[in-house]
C-alpha atoms as a PDB file:
ATOM      1  CA  MET A   1       5.406  -8.843 -29.698  1.00  0.00           C
ATOM      2  CA  LYS A   2       9.108  -9.424 -30.028  1.00  0.00           C
ATOM      3  CA  VAL A   3      11.991  -7.590 -28.438  1.00  0.00           C
ATOM      4  CA  VAL A   4      15.731  -7.686 -28.788  1.00  0.00           C
ATOM      5  CA  ILE A   5      17.319  -6.349 -25.615  1.00  0.00           C
ATOM      6  CA  GLN A   6      20.925  -5.237 -25.500  1.00  0.00           C
ATOM      7  CA  ARG A   7      22.682  -4.345 -22.273  1.00  0.00           C
ATOM      8  CA  VAL A   8      24.686  -1.244 -23.091  1.00  0.00           C
ATOM      9  CA  LEU A   9      27.303   1.031 -21.597  1.00  0.00           C
ATOM     10  CA  LYS A  10      26.097   3.742 -23.969  1.00  0.00           C
ATOM     11  CA  ALA A  11      23.518   4.048 -26.762  1.00  0.00           C
ATOM     12  CA  SER A  12      21.989   6.741 -28.933  1.00  0.00           C
ATOM     13  CA  VAL A  13      19.418   7.135 -31.689  1.00  0.00           C
ATOM     14  CA  SER A  14      19.757   9.732 -34.432  1.00  0.00           C
ATOM     15  CA  VAL A  15      17.337  10.874 -37.123  1.00  0.00           C
ATOM     16  CA  GLU A  16      18.598  13.077 -39.962  1.00  0.00           C
ATOM     17  CA  ASN A  17      21.961  13.510 -38.190  1.00  0.00           C
ATOM     18  CA  GLU A  18      20.303  14.752 -34.981  1.00  0.00           C
ATOM     19  CA  ILE A  19      20.579  12.733 -31.777  1.00  0.00           C
ATOM     20  CA  ILE A  20      17.053  12.291 -30.396  1.00  0.00           C
ATOM     21  CA  SER A  21      17.829   9.871 -27.530  1.00  0.00           C
ATOM     22  CA  THR A  22      20.939   8.944 -25.610  1.00  0.00           C
ATOM     23  CA  ILE A  23      21.665   6.878 -22.503  1.00  0.00           C
ATOM     24  CA  ASN A  24      24.611   5.567 -20.580  1.00  0.00           C
ATOM     25  CA  LYS A  25      24.333   2.271 -18.644  1.00  0.00           C
ATOM     26  CA  GLY A  26      21.041   0.579 -19.380  1.00  0.00           C
ATOM     27  CA  LEU A  27      19.078  -1.269 -22.039  1.00  0.00           C
ATOM     28  CA  LEU A  28      18.557  -0.649 -25.722  1.00  0.00           C
ATOM     29  CA  ILE A  29      15.279  -2.326 -26.672  1.00  0.00           C
ATOM     30  CA  PHE A  30      14.225  -3.025 -30.236  1.00  0.00           C
ATOM     31  CA  LEU A  31      10.455  -3.623 -30.348  1.00  0.00           C
ATOM     32  CA  GLY A  32       8.615  -5.500 -33.084  1.00  0.00           C
ATOM     33  CA  ILE A  33       4.815  -5.338 -33.113  1.00  0.00           C
ATOM     34  CA  GLU A  34       2.428  -7.626 -34.986  1.00  0.00           C
ATOM     35  CA  ASP A  35      -1.329  -7.407 -35.585  1.00  0.00           C
ATOM     36  CA  ALA A  36      -2.142  -9.968 -32.875  1.00  0.00           C
ATOM     37  CA  ASP A  37      -0.402  -7.966 -30.122  1.00  0.00           C
ATOM     38  CA  ASN A  38      -2.427  -6.322 -27.364  1.00  0.00           C
ATOM     39  CA  LYS A  39      -2.277  -4.756 -23.906  1.00  0.00           C
ATOM     40  CA  GLU A  40      -1.594  -8.148 -22.285  1.00  0.00           C
ATOM     41  CA  ASP A  41       1.522  -8.588 -24.456  1.00  0.00           C
ATOM     42  CA  ILE A  42       2.709  -5.114 -23.483  1.00  0.00           C
ATOM     43  CA  GLN A  43       2.246  -5.689 -19.769  1.00  0.00           C
ATOM     44  CA  TRP A  44       3.874  -9.128 -19.797  1.00  0.00           C
ATOM     45  CA  ILE A  45       6.902  -8.144 -21.851  1.00  0.00           C
ATOM     46  CA  VAL A  46       7.517  -4.828 -20.027  1.00  0.00           C
ATOM     47  CA  LYS A  47       7.479  -6.554 -16.634  1.00  0.00           C
ATOM     48  CA  LYS A  48       9.795  -9.233 -18.001  1.00  0.00           C
ATOM     49  CA  ILE A  49      12.259  -6.645 -19.331  1.00  0.00           C
ATOM     50  CA  ILE A  50      12.480  -4.393 -16.292  1.00  0.00           C
ATOM     51  CA  ASN A  51      12.840  -7.331 -13.890  1.00  0.00           C
ATOM     52  CA  LEU A  52      15.234  -9.403 -16.018  1.00  0.00           C
ATOM     53  CA  ARG A  53      18.351  -9.987 -13.941  1.00  0.00           C
ATOM     54  CA  ILE A  54      21.043  -9.196 -16.492  1.00  0.00           C
ATOM     55  CA  PHE A  55      23.185  -6.602 -14.699  1.00  0.00           C
ATOM     56  CA  ASN A  56      26.182  -7.705 -12.666  1.00  0.00           C
ATOM     57  CA  ASP A  57      26.189  -7.618  -8.876  1.00  0.00           C
ATOM     58  CA  GLU A  58      29.280  -6.982  -6.728  1.00  0.00           C
ATOM     59  CA  LYS A  59      30.548 -10.507  -7.478  1.00  0.00           C
ATOM     60  CA  GLY A  60      30.196 -10.123 -11.246  1.00  0.00           C
ATOM     61  CA  VAL A  61      27.122 -12.356 -11.409  1.00  0.00           C
ATOM     62  CA  MET A  62      24.128 -11.248 -13.496  1.00  0.00           C
ATOM     63  CA  ASN A  63      21.795 -10.801 -10.556  1.00  0.00           C
ATOM     64  CA  LYS A  64      20.420  -7.264 -10.855  1.00  0.00           C
ATOM     65  CA  SER A  65      17.601  -5.863 -12.979  1.00  0.00           C
ATOM     66  CA  LEU A  66      17.097  -2.587 -14.806  1.00  0.00           C
ATOM     67  CA  LEU A  67      14.666  -1.649 -12.045  1.00  0.00           C
ATOM     68  CA  SER A  68      17.057  -2.455  -9.177  1.00  0.00           C
ATOM     69  CA  GLU A  69      19.931  -0.683 -10.958  1.00  0.00           C
ATOM     70  CA  ASN A  70      17.798   2.388 -11.704  1.00  0.00           C
ATOM     71  CA  GLY A  71      19.058   1.980 -15.262  1.00  0.00           C
ATOM     72  CA  ALA A  72      18.098   3.908 -18.347  1.00  0.00           C
ATOM     73  CA  ALA A  73      16.420   2.599 -21.491  1.00  0.00           C
ATOM     74  CA  ILE A  74      15.766   3.452 -25.114  1.00  0.00           C
ATOM     75  CA  VAL A  75      12.878   1.801 -26.982  1.00  0.00           C
ATOM     76  CA  VAL A  76      13.125   1.670 -30.781  1.00  0.00           C
ATOM     77  CA  SER A  77      10.344   0.354 -33.001  1.00  0.00           C
ATOM     78  CA  GLN A  78      11.701  -2.234 -35.442  1.00  0.00           C
ATOM     79  CA  PHE A  79       9.248  -3.977 -37.772  1.00  0.00           C
ATOM     80  CA  THR A  80      12.038  -6.133 -39.230  1.00  0.00           C
ATOM     81  CA  LEU A  81      11.925  -8.326 -36.102  1.00  0.00           C
ATOM     82  CA  HIS A  82       8.897  -9.963 -37.721  1.00  0.00           C
ATOM     83  CA  ALA A  83      10.738 -10.809 -40.956  1.00  0.00           C
ATOM     84  CA  SER A  84       9.905 -14.160 -42.482  1.00  0.00           C
ATOM     85  CA  THR A  85      12.816 -15.707 -44.363  1.00  0.00           C
ATOM     86  CA  LYS A  86      11.204 -19.059 -45.218  1.00  0.00           C
ATOM     87  CA  LYS A  87      11.095 -18.512 -48.987  1.00  0.00           C
ATOM     88  CA  GLY A  88      13.713 -16.965 -51.208  1.00  0.00           C
ATOM     89  CA  ASN A  89      16.200 -14.333 -50.168  1.00  0.00           C
ATOM     90  CA  ARG A  90      13.940 -11.325 -49.749  1.00  0.00           C
ATOM     91  CA  PRO A  91      12.396 -11.160 -46.265  1.00  0.00           C
ATOM     92  CA  SER A  92       8.638 -10.774 -45.979  1.00  0.00           C
ATOM     93  CA  TYR A  93       7.226  -8.439 -43.339  1.00  0.00           C
ATOM     94  CA  ILE A  94       3.615  -9.584 -43.651  1.00  0.00           C
ATOM     95  CA  LYS A  95       3.368 -10.290 -39.890  1.00  0.00           C
ATOM     96  CA  ALA A  96       4.546  -6.817 -38.903  1.00  0.00           C
ATOM     97  CA  ALA A  97       1.662  -4.576 -37.857  1.00  0.00           C
ATOM     98  CA  LYS A  98       0.713  -1.677 -40.103  1.00  0.00           C
ATOM     99  CA  PRO A  99       1.283   1.813 -38.649  1.00  0.00           C
ATOM    100  CA  GLU A 100      -2.397   2.303 -37.699  1.00  0.00           C
ATOM    101  CA  ILE A 101      -2.073  -0.681 -35.327  1.00  0.00           C
ATOM    102  CA  ALA A 102       1.623  -0.432 -34.444  1.00  0.00           C
ATOM    103  CA  ILE A 103       1.845   3.259 -33.503  1.00  0.00           C
ATOM    104  CA  PRO A 104      -0.790   3.168 -30.719  1.00  0.00           C
ATOM    105  CA  LEU A 105       0.729  -0.064 -29.335  1.00  0.00           C
ATOM    106  CA  TYR A 106       4.246   1.410 -29.498  1.00  0.00           C
ATOM    107  CA  GLU A 107       3.082   4.509 -27.631  1.00  0.00           C
ATOM    108  CA  GLU A 108       1.224   2.388 -25.056  1.00  0.00           C
ATOM    109  CA  PHE A 109       4.344   0.236 -24.608  1.00  0.00           C
ATOM    110  CA  ILE A 110       6.441   3.335 -23.875  1.00  0.00           C
ATOM    111  CA  GLN A 111       3.871   4.758 -21.434  1.00  0.00           C
ATOM    112  CA  TYR A 112       3.568   1.466 -19.554  1.00  0.00           C
ATOM    113  CA  PHE A 113       7.355   0.997 -19.527  1.00  0.00           C
ATOM    114  CA  GLU A 114       7.825   4.474 -18.035  1.00  0.00           C
ATOM    115  CA  LYS A 115       5.117   3.834 -15.445  1.00  0.00           C
ATOM    116  CA  GLU A 116       6.670   0.526 -14.345  1.00  0.00           C
ATOM    117  CA  LEU A 117      10.259   1.839 -14.412  1.00  0.00           C
ATOM    118  CA  GLY A 118       9.311   5.085 -12.679  1.00  0.00           C
ATOM    119  CA  LYS A 119      11.034   7.402 -15.130  1.00  0.00           C
ATOM    120  CA  LYS A 120      11.145   8.567 -18.751  1.00  0.00           C
ATOM    121  CA  VAL A 121      12.752   6.399 -21.403  1.00  0.00           C
ATOM    122  CA  GLY A 122      14.346   7.411 -24.660  1.00  0.00           C
ATOM    123  CA  THR A 123      12.716   6.485 -27.941  1.00  0.00           C
ATOM    124  CA  GLY A 124      13.343   6.308 -31.616  1.00  0.00           C
ATOM    125  CA  LYS A 125      11.028   7.970 -34.123  1.00  0.00           C
ATOM    126  CA  PHE A 126       8.398   5.610 -35.475  1.00  0.00           C
ATOM    127  CA  GLY A 127       8.749   5.041 -39.219  1.00  0.00           C
ATOM    128  CA  ALA A 128      11.876   7.174 -39.586  1.00  0.00           C
ATOM    129  CA  ALA A 129      15.221   6.087 -40.976  1.00  0.00           C
ATOM    130  CA  MET A 130      17.231   5.946 -37.756  1.00  0.00           C
ATOM    131  CA  GLN A 131      20.869   5.439 -36.953  1.00  0.00           C
ATOM    132  CA  VAL A 132      21.412   3.521 -33.725  1.00  0.00           C
ATOM    133  CA  ALA A 133      24.811   3.558 -32.040  1.00  0.00           C
ATOM    134  CA  LEU A 134      25.671   1.394 -29.066  1.00  0.00           C
ATOM    135  CA  ILE A 135      28.394  -0.100 -26.961  1.00  0.00           C
ATOM    136  CA  ASN A 136      27.071  -3.531 -26.013  1.00  0.00           C
ATOM    137  CA  ASP A 137      28.134  -4.479 -22.482  1.00  0.00           C
ATOM    138  CA  GLY A 138      29.128  -8.105 -22.151  1.00  0.00           C
ATOM    139  CA  PRO A 139      28.001  -8.598 -24.867  1.00  0.00           C
ATOM    140  CA  VAL A 140      24.527  -9.293 -23.516  1.00  0.00           C
ATOM    141  CA  THR A 141      21.757  -9.615 -26.102  1.00  0.00           C
ATOM    142  CA  ILE A 142      18.434 -11.281 -25.268  1.00  0.00           C
ATOM    143  CA  LEU A 143      15.441 -12.128 -27.452  1.00  0.00           C
ATOM    144  CA  ILE A 144      11.922 -12.298 -25.999  1.00  0.00           C
ATOM    145  CA  ASP A 145       8.683 -13.172 -27.787  1.00  0.00           C
ATOM    146  CA  SER A 146       5.459 -12.507 -25.880  1.00  0.00           C
ATOM    147  CA  LYS A 147       3.779 -15.348 -27.772  1.00  0.00           C
ATOM    148  CA  ILE A 148       6.306 -17.864 -26.376  1.00  0.00           C
ATOM    149  CA  ARG A 149       5.889 -17.822 -22.595  1.00  0.00           C
ATOM    150  CA  ILE A 150       6.714 -21.437 -21.799  1.00  0.00           C
END
């Protein structure tokens, strides 16, 4: 499981010109799921995200987490995070999980995220062509792979 996390001042997701999720200060999370992912990956990566100290404290030091800031979040499924670009110029998405595996894991990720954060989170629409708008704060962009925990 891979995520790209962006600390944002504002973010929204639209499908067919309709805004389906919007937040102010918080995290925009792009989630890539592969066949080998499971509940353990979900739990590890969710706890990592909500406790990651990437929000500024009173002294301007990144010392606060999404949880401590009571921040908002949007989770967007993005299979392209598993793109392989080893050969040629056309990315391969062979490692990305097929919908029958990815959708239940995506939904479980959202449910566990909401449980751990203590509130609802915004989402994209799985498999849809989405338009994502954001104002990156910092900029702060962090990559996490649940298979690389060292």
